[in-house]
Structure formats: C-alpha cells, structure tokens
C-alpha cells in the first residue's frame, strides 16, 4: 500500500510532500516507510517495524490523519486495501 500526500504551494517555495508505504519483510512483519521533504529538494526517510499487518495499517492511518490535520491532501493512493 502506498499514499502520497502534498501541501498546496504557498508562494515561490516548492510544496512539501509525505509518502507513506507498507512493505512486508522476510520474517512475516511489516515496515512502515515515511519519506518527507520538499518536492525537487532533499527528503528524509524513516522506517518503523511492526509484527503484523493490522498494527502497521493502524500506524499508517494514524500518520495519514496527522498529516491531513496539518494541511496535506491525498494526491495518490495505491494498493488493494488502501485506506479511505
């Protein structure tokens, strides 16, 4: 599953983005990967490990909701069970 969130451009600066995606690992767990930064600029990547898909999904939705409160908008969603 993958989500791309972006802020509306304000002034001459490039808009900021947050990309969230879940990756299964080889031991049956899941990794939540968060990439954030300015479009066309530097970005940072953070990873969190989870034992099961349900807890990883809950964490992704929690981060998504936090970013929506900060003014980001969902631009792209990919995955069979993508959150609404």
C-alpha atoms as a PDB file:
ATOM      1  CA  UNK A   1       0.000   0.000   0.000  1.00  0.00           C
ATOM      2  CA  UNK A   2       1.225   3.486  -0.822  1.00  0.00           C
ATOM      3  CA  UNK A   3      -0.047   7.022  -0.109  1.00  0.00           C
ATOM      4  CA  UNK A   4       1.303  10.306  -1.404  1.00  0.00           C
ATOM      5  CA  UNK A   5       0.244  13.492   0.409  1.00  0.00           C
ATOM      6  CA  UNK A   6       1.155  17.020  -0.625  1.00  0.00           C
ATOM      7  CA  UNK A   7       0.627  20.551   0.679  1.00  0.00           C
ATOM      8  CA  UNK A   8      -0.744  23.278  -1.539  1.00  0.00           C
ATOM      9  CA  UNK A   9       2.034  25.503  -2.909  1.00  0.00           C
ATOM     10  CA  UNK A  10       2.351  28.781  -0.985  1.00  0.00           C
ATOM     11  CA  UNK A  11       4.413  31.447  -2.701  1.00  0.00           C
ATOM     12  CA  UNK A  12       7.650  30.735  -4.541  1.00  0.00           C
ATOM     13  CA  UNK A  13       8.659  27.684  -2.466  1.00  0.00           C
ATOM     14  CA  UNK A  14       8.070  24.167  -3.745  1.00  0.00           C
ATOM     15  CA  UNK A  15       5.304  22.286  -1.928  1.00  0.00           C
ATOM     16  CA  UNK A  16       6.121  19.733   0.756  1.00  0.00           C
ATOM     17  CA  UNK A  17       5.217  16.063   0.422  1.00  0.00           C
ATOM     18  CA  UNK A  18       4.855  12.974   2.587  1.00  0.00           C
ATOM     19  CA  UNK A  19       4.910   9.488   1.108  1.00  0.00           C
ATOM     20  CA  UNK A  20       3.801   6.546   3.249  1.00  0.00           C
ATOM     21  CA  UNK A  21       4.040   2.919   2.273  1.00  0.00           C
ATOM     22  CA  UNK A  22       3.955  -0.529   3.832  1.00  0.00           C
ATOM     23  CA  UNK A  23       6.425  -3.238   2.916  1.00  0.00           C
ATOM     24  CA  UNK A  24       6.271  -6.858   4.059  1.00  0.00           C
ATOM     25  CA  UNK A  25       9.564  -8.206   5.393  1.00  0.00           C
ATOM     26  CA  UNK A  26      11.028 -11.693   5.156  1.00  0.00           C
ATOM     27  CA  UNK A  27      10.031 -12.661   8.704  1.00  0.00           C
ATOM     28  CA  UNK A  28       6.296 -12.019   8.327  1.00  0.00           C
ATOM     29  CA  UNK A  29       6.302  -8.486   9.751  1.00  0.00           C
ATOM     30  CA  UNK A  30       5.747  -5.146   8.060  1.00  0.00           C
ATOM     31  CA  UNK A  31       7.734  -1.948   7.707  1.00  0.00           C
ATOM     32  CA  UNK A  32       6.082   1.484   7.552  1.00  0.00           C
ATOM     33  CA  UNK A  33       8.291   3.755   5.453  1.00  0.00           C
ATOM     34  CA  UNK A  34       7.781   7.535   5.696  1.00  0.00           C
ATOM     35  CA  UNK A  35       9.523   9.813   3.223  1.00  0.00           C
ATOM     36  CA  UNK A  36       9.033  13.553   3.591  1.00  0.00           C
ATOM     37  CA  UNK A  37      10.564  16.715   2.200  1.00  0.00           C
ATOM     38  CA  UNK A  38      10.190  19.405  -0.395  1.00  0.00           C
ATOM     39  CA  UNK A  39       9.415  18.475  -3.991  1.00  0.00           C
ATOM     40  CA  UNK A  40      12.618  18.785  -6.000  1.00  0.00           C
ATOM     41  CA  UNK A  41      14.712  19.085  -2.834  1.00  0.00           C
ATOM     42  CA  UNK A  42      16.073  16.971  -0.040  1.00  0.00           C
ATOM     43  CA  UNK A  43      13.947  14.408   1.703  1.00  0.00           C
ATOM     44  CA  UNK A  44      14.251  12.243   4.792  1.00  0.00           C
ATOM     45  CA  UNK A  45      13.225   8.620   5.238  1.00  0.00           C
ATOM     46  CA  UNK A  46      12.082   6.956   8.472  1.00  0.00           C
ATOM     47  CA  UNK A  47      11.236   3.291   8.970  1.00  0.00           C
ATOM     48  CA  UNK A  48       9.162   1.608  11.687  1.00  0.00           C
ATOM     49  CA  UNK A  49       8.888  -2.164  12.161  1.00  0.00           C
ATOM     50  CA  UNK A  50       5.630  -3.911  13.085  1.00  0.00           C
ATOM     51  CA  UNK A  51       4.909  -7.532  13.897  1.00  0.00           C
ATOM     52  CA  UNK A  52       1.678  -7.760  11.889  1.00  0.00           C
ATOM     53  CA  UNK A  53      -0.169  -6.013   9.085  1.00  0.00           C
ATOM     54  CA  UNK A  54      -3.004  -4.749  11.292  1.00  0.00           C
ATOM     55  CA  UNK A  55      -0.715  -2.725  13.568  1.00  0.00           C
ATOM     56  CA  UNK A  56       1.259  -1.420  10.566  1.00  0.00           C
ATOM     57  CA  UNK A  57      -2.005  -0.397   8.856  1.00  0.00           C
ATOM     58  CA  UNK A  58      -3.186   1.374  12.030  1.00  0.00           C
ATOM     59  CA  UNK A  59       0.117   3.276  12.253  1.00  0.00           C
ATOM     60  CA  UNK A  60      -0.116   4.307   8.580  1.00  0.00           C
ATOM     61  CA  UNK A  61      -3.655   5.602   9.100  1.00  0.00           C
ATOM     62  CA  UNK A  62      -2.599   7.483  12.259  1.00  0.00           C
ATOM     63  CA  UNK A  63       0.275   9.212  10.429  1.00  0.00           C
ATOM     64  CA  UNK A  64      -2.008   9.968   7.476  1.00  0.00           C
ATOM     65  CA  UNK A  65      -4.585  11.587   9.761  1.00  0.00           C
ATOM     66  CA  UNK A  66      -1.891  13.704  11.446  1.00  0.00           C
ATOM     67  CA  UNK A  67      -0.704  14.967   8.074  1.00  0.00           C
ATOM     68  CA  UNK A  68      -4.265  15.725   6.922  1.00  0.00           C
ATOM     69  CA  UNK A  69      -4.696  17.908  10.030  1.00  0.00           C
ATOM     70  CA  UNK A  70      -1.506  19.768   9.060  1.00  0.00           C
ATOM     71  CA  UNK A  71      -2.997  20.752   5.689  1.00  0.00           C
ATOM     72  CA  UNK A  72      -1.724  17.954   3.444  1.00  0.00           C
ATOM     73  CA  UNK A  73      -4.010  16.440   0.811  1.00  0.00           C
ATOM     74  CA  UNK A  74      -4.014  12.872  -0.508  1.00  0.00           C
ATOM     75  CA  UNK A  75      -2.744  13.023  -4.087  1.00  0.00           C
ATOM     76  CA  UNK A  76      -2.253   9.328  -4.869  1.00  0.00           C
ATOM     77  CA  UNK A  77      -3.318   6.007  -3.324  1.00  0.00           C
ATOM     78  CA  UNK A  78      -2.166   2.589  -4.468  1.00  0.00           C
ATOM     79  CA  UNK A  79      -2.966  -0.844  -3.074  1.00  0.00           C
ATOM     80  CA  UNK A  80      -5.756  -3.352  -2.875  1.00  0.00           C
ATOM     81  CA  UNK A  81      -6.867  -2.377   0.617  1.00  0.00           C
ATOM     82  CA  UNK A  82      -5.985   1.311   0.520  1.00  0.00           C
ATOM     83  CA  UNK A  83      -7.415   3.334   3.426  1.00  0.00           C
ATOM     84  CA  UNK A  84     -10.184   5.792   2.646  1.00  0.00           C
END
